[in-house]
Amino acid sequence: MNQVRYYRKYPRTHSKQSEQNEHNDAPTIDLSIAQAAGILVLTFATGMLSGCLLKRFR
């Protein structure tokens, strides 16, 4: 192969944004699996407790 061919079938129509612009547009929260599981358990327990209290007073 003497000639290097262009490897894309279609040309790029836009360029990638830098990482700084992506972080400023939409804030995200980084959680570990343990933190996410803790939030899930806390939400489930709160729901169960409020459900039992509503059932008693109904």
N, C-alpha and C. Protein backbone atom coordinates (compact mmCIF):
# COMPACT_ATOMS: atom_id res chain seq x y z
N MET A 1 0.84 -1.18 0.00
CA MET A 1 0.00 0.00 0.00
C MET A 1 0.88 1.24 0.00
N ASN A 2 0.98 1.85 -1.10
CA ASN A 2 1.79 3.05 -1.20
C ASN A 2 1.03 4.29 -0.75
N GLN A 3 -0.28 4.26 -0.92
CA GLN A 3 -1.07 5.43 -0.54
C GLN A 3 -1.84 5.13 0.74
N VAL A 4 -1.88 6.12 1.62
CA VAL A 4 -2.67 5.98 2.85
C VAL A 4 -4.04 6.54 2.54
N ARG A 5 -5.05 5.71 2.69
CA ARG A 5 -6.42 6.15 2.39
C ARG A 5 -7.07 6.70 3.64
N TYR A 6 -8.05 7.56 3.42
CA TYR A 6 -8.83 8.11 4.52
C TYR A 6 -9.67 6.99 5.10
N TYR A 7 -9.60 6.76 6.41
CA TYR A 7 -10.21 5.58 7.02
C TYR A 7 -11.68 5.76 7.37
N ARG A 8 -12.25 6.94 7.25
CA ARG A 8 -13.66 7.15 7.56
C ARG A 8 -14.50 7.11 6.30
N LYS A 9 -15.65 6.46 6.42
CA LYS A 9 -16.54 6.40 5.27
C LYS A 9 -17.20 7.76 5.04
N TYR A 10 -17.59 8.41 6.14
CA TYR A 10 -18.21 9.74 6.06
C TYR A 10 -17.36 10.72 6.86
N PRO A 11 -17.24 11.95 6.40
CA PRO A 11 -16.42 12.91 7.14
C PRO A 11 -17.10 13.33 8.45
N ARG A 12 -16.30 13.78 9.39
CA ARG A 12 -16.83 14.27 10.66
C ARG A 12 -17.57 15.59 10.43
N THR A 13 -18.74 15.70 11.06
CA THR A 13 -19.53 16.93 10.88
C THR A 13 -19.37 17.89 12.06
N HIS A 14 -18.90 17.38 13.19
CA HIS A 14 -18.68 18.25 14.34
C HIS A 14 -17.48 17.74 15.13
N SER A 15 -16.86 18.62 15.89
CA SER A 15 -15.71 18.23 16.69
C SER A 15 -16.16 17.94 18.12
N LYS A 16 -15.34 17.20 18.84
CA LYS A 16 -15.66 16.86 20.23
C LYS A 16 -15.53 18.09 21.11
N GLN A 17 -16.37 18.13 22.16
CA GLN A 17 -16.28 19.22 23.11
C GLN A 17 -15.22 18.86 24.14
N SER A 18 -14.64 19.89 24.73
CA SER A 18 -13.65 19.63 25.77
C SER A 18 -14.37 19.17 27.04
N GLU A 19 -13.64 18.53 27.94
CA GLU A 19 -14.24 18.00 29.16
C GLU A 19 -14.73 19.11 30.08
N GLN A 20 -14.10 20.25 30.06
CA GLN A 20 -14.51 21.35 30.93
C GLN A 20 -15.90 21.85 30.54
N ASN A 21 -16.21 21.90 29.27
CA ASN A 21 -17.52 22.35 28.84
C ASN A 21 -18.60 21.35 29.22
N GLU A 22 -18.28 20.06 29.17
CA GLU A 22 -19.26 19.04 29.52
C GLU A 22 -19.61 19.10 31.00
N HIS A 23 -18.63 19.36 31.85
CA HIS A 23 -18.89 19.40 33.29
C HIS A 23 -19.68 20.64 33.68
N ASN A 24 -19.53 21.71 32.96
CA ASN A 24 -20.25 22.93 33.30
C ASN A 24 -21.71 22.88 32.86
N ASP A 25 -22.03 22.09 31.85
CA ASP A 25 -23.39 22.05 31.33
C ASP A 25 -24.33 21.32 32.28
N ALA A 26 -23.99 20.14 32.72
CA ALA A 26 -24.86 19.34 33.56
C ALA A 26 -24.07 18.80 34.76
N PRO A 27 -24.39 19.27 35.95
CA PRO A 27 -23.67 18.75 37.11
C PRO A 27 -24.06 17.30 37.40
N THR A 28 -23.10 16.49 37.76
CA THR A 28 -23.35 15.09 38.06
C THR A 28 -22.87 14.78 39.47
N ILE A 29 -23.41 13.73 40.05
CA ILE A 29 -23.00 13.29 41.38
C ILE A 29 -22.34 11.93 41.22
N ASP A 30 -21.12 11.81 41.72
CA ASP A 30 -20.40 10.55 41.66
C ASP A 30 -20.62 9.79 42.96
N LEU A 31 -21.26 8.62 42.88
CA LEU A 31 -21.51 7.79 44.04
C LEU A 31 -20.86 6.43 43.87
N SER A 32 -20.40 5.88 44.97
CA SER A 32 -19.92 4.51 44.92
C SER A 32 -21.12 3.57 45.02
N ILE A 33 -20.89 2.30 44.81
CA ILE A 33 -21.97 1.32 44.89
C ILE A 33 -22.50 1.24 46.31
N ALA A 34 -21.62 1.33 47.30
CA ALA A 34 -22.04 1.26 48.70
C ALA A 34 -22.93 2.46 49.06
N GLN A 35 -22.57 3.64 48.59
CA GLN A 35 -23.39 4.82 48.87
C GLN A 35 -24.74 4.72 48.19
N ALA A 36 -24.78 4.24 46.96
CA ALA A 36 -26.06 4.09 46.26
C ALA A 36 -26.93 3.04 46.95
N ALA A 37 -26.33 1.95 47.41
CA ALA A 37 -27.09 0.92 48.12
C ALA A 37 -27.61 1.46 49.44
N GLY A 38 -26.82 2.28 50.12
CA GLY A 38 -27.26 2.88 51.38
C GLY A 38 -28.45 3.80 51.17
N ILE A 39 -28.43 4.59 50.13
CA ILE A 39 -29.55 5.48 49.82
C ILE A 39 -30.79 4.66 49.49
N LEU A 40 -30.61 3.57 48.74
CA LEU A 40 -31.73 2.70 48.38
C LEU A 40 -32.35 2.06 49.62
N VAL A 41 -31.52 1.56 50.54
CA VAL A 41 -32.03 0.94 51.77
C VAL A 41 -32.73 1.97 52.64
N LEU A 42 -32.16 3.15 52.75
CA LEU A 42 -32.78 4.21 53.56
C LEU A 42 -34.14 4.61 52.98
N THR A 43 -34.23 4.73 51.67
CA THR A 43 -35.49 5.08 51.03
C THR A 43 -36.53 3.98 51.22
N PHE A 44 -36.10 2.72 51.09
CA PHE A 44 -37.01 1.59 51.28
C PHE A 44 -37.52 1.54 52.72
N ALA A 45 -36.62 1.72 53.69
CA ALA A 45 -37.02 1.67 55.10
C ALA A 45 -37.97 2.82 55.43
N THR A 46 -37.71 4.00 54.90
CA THR A 46 -38.60 5.14 55.13
C THR A 46 -39.98 4.88 54.54
N GLY A 47 -40.02 4.28 53.37
CA GLY A 47 -41.30 3.95 52.74
C GLY A 47 -42.07 2.91 53.52
N MET A 48 -41.37 1.90 54.02
CA MET A 48 -42.03 0.88 54.83
C MET A 48 -42.58 1.47 56.12
N LEU A 49 -41.81 2.30 56.77
CA LEU A 49 -42.24 2.93 58.02
C LEU A 49 -43.44 3.84 57.80
N SER A 50 -43.38 4.66 56.77
CA SER A 50 -44.51 5.55 56.51
C SER A 50 -45.74 4.76 56.07
N GLY A 51 -45.57 3.65 55.37
CA GLY A 51 -46.69 2.81 54.98
C GLY A 51 -47.36 2.16 56.19
N CYS A 52 -46.54 1.70 57.12
CA CYS A 52 -47.11 1.10 58.34
C CYS A 52 -47.84 2.14 59.18
N LEU A 53 -47.30 3.33 59.27
CA LEU A 53 -47.96 4.39 60.05
C LEU A 53 -49.27 4.82 59.39
N LEU A 54 -49.28 4.91 58.07
CA LEU A 54 -50.52 5.28 57.39
C LEU A 54 -51.57 4.18 57.53
N LYS A 55 -51.14 2.94 57.55
CA LYS A 55 -52.08 1.82 57.69
C LYS A 55 -52.72 1.82 59.09
N ARG A 56 -51.92 2.16 60.11
CA ARG A 56 -52.45 2.20 61.48
C ARG A 56 -53.48 3.29 61.69
N PHE A 57 -53.21 4.45 61.14
CA PHE A 57 -54.08 5.59 61.36
C PHE A 57 -55.25 5.63 60.38
N ARG A 58 -55.32 4.72 59.50
CA ARG A 58 -56.40 4.71 58.50
C ARG A 58 -57.64 4.05 59.00
